[in-house]
Amino acid sequence: MEARQDPGLWPGLDCLAPLDACNIAAMELPVIGRYRRRFVVEFGPEEAGLVDRMGVAHRTKRAAIIAGLRLLESGELEQLRRRVADAEQELASAREDLKAARSASATATPEITSAKADLRTEHAAHRETKRALKEARAALTQAHQTATTLRAERDRLAGLLPSYAYCGTCDKLVPEAEWAEQPARNGVDVYHQPDGYRPKGGLLSPATVLFWRAPYGRTVR
């Protein structure tokens, strides 16, 4: 059977094995060597919609997952918690100052004008503090939801990485441990190492290339 290529079926993948035997899905694999883990996660309609929206915002679901993990690792969630606590403390202090200003205006007539001015300032500070507190709480809630969804999506996508590929020379699926790589055609040819690297085959010596992939970090369209 003649080897054919069908980039429309699998974008970003040149498969040199027969089309009915090639079952490697094209994807942008992370630089993780030969280590692979599989995770299966289910989502409800609302969570699935959030994953789709974050995937669009970050161009890929994988990029969205990495962004969420980096947010967790950076400690920004803890910083948001501290901001909420500080804002709450400022709000409590502003209320105490407001109470004191009202008391002073009632008992010290000569100081009423000054107290009213201070009161207006405290009102403005109070409104600003409430606004900052609302924003901090909303950001913290959104960060929690995003991080939870991205962790689940990361676990699901980790199970999509291929572990076997069809070798036309051996006429069987070969494990990832027997793969090797050779730069070729602005990308990388992945071939069956025990058979040596033969990008083009003949009647008696079939090609040993399992599939072609784009370099890590580059998306082929």
Foldseek 3Di string as FASTA:
>chain_A
DAFDADCVVAPQKGFRDHPVAWDAHADQDDPPPQDFDAFAFDDDPVLVVVLVVLCVVLVHSLSLLVVLVVCVVVCVLVVLVVQLVVLVVLLVVLVVLLVVLVVCLVPPVVCVVVSVVVNVVSVVVNVVSVVSNVVSVVVSVVSVSSNVSSVRVVNNVRNSHDFWFAFPVVRGIDGPVQWDWDDDDQWIFIFRNVLPADCCADPNGHGGTRMTGHDRPDGGD
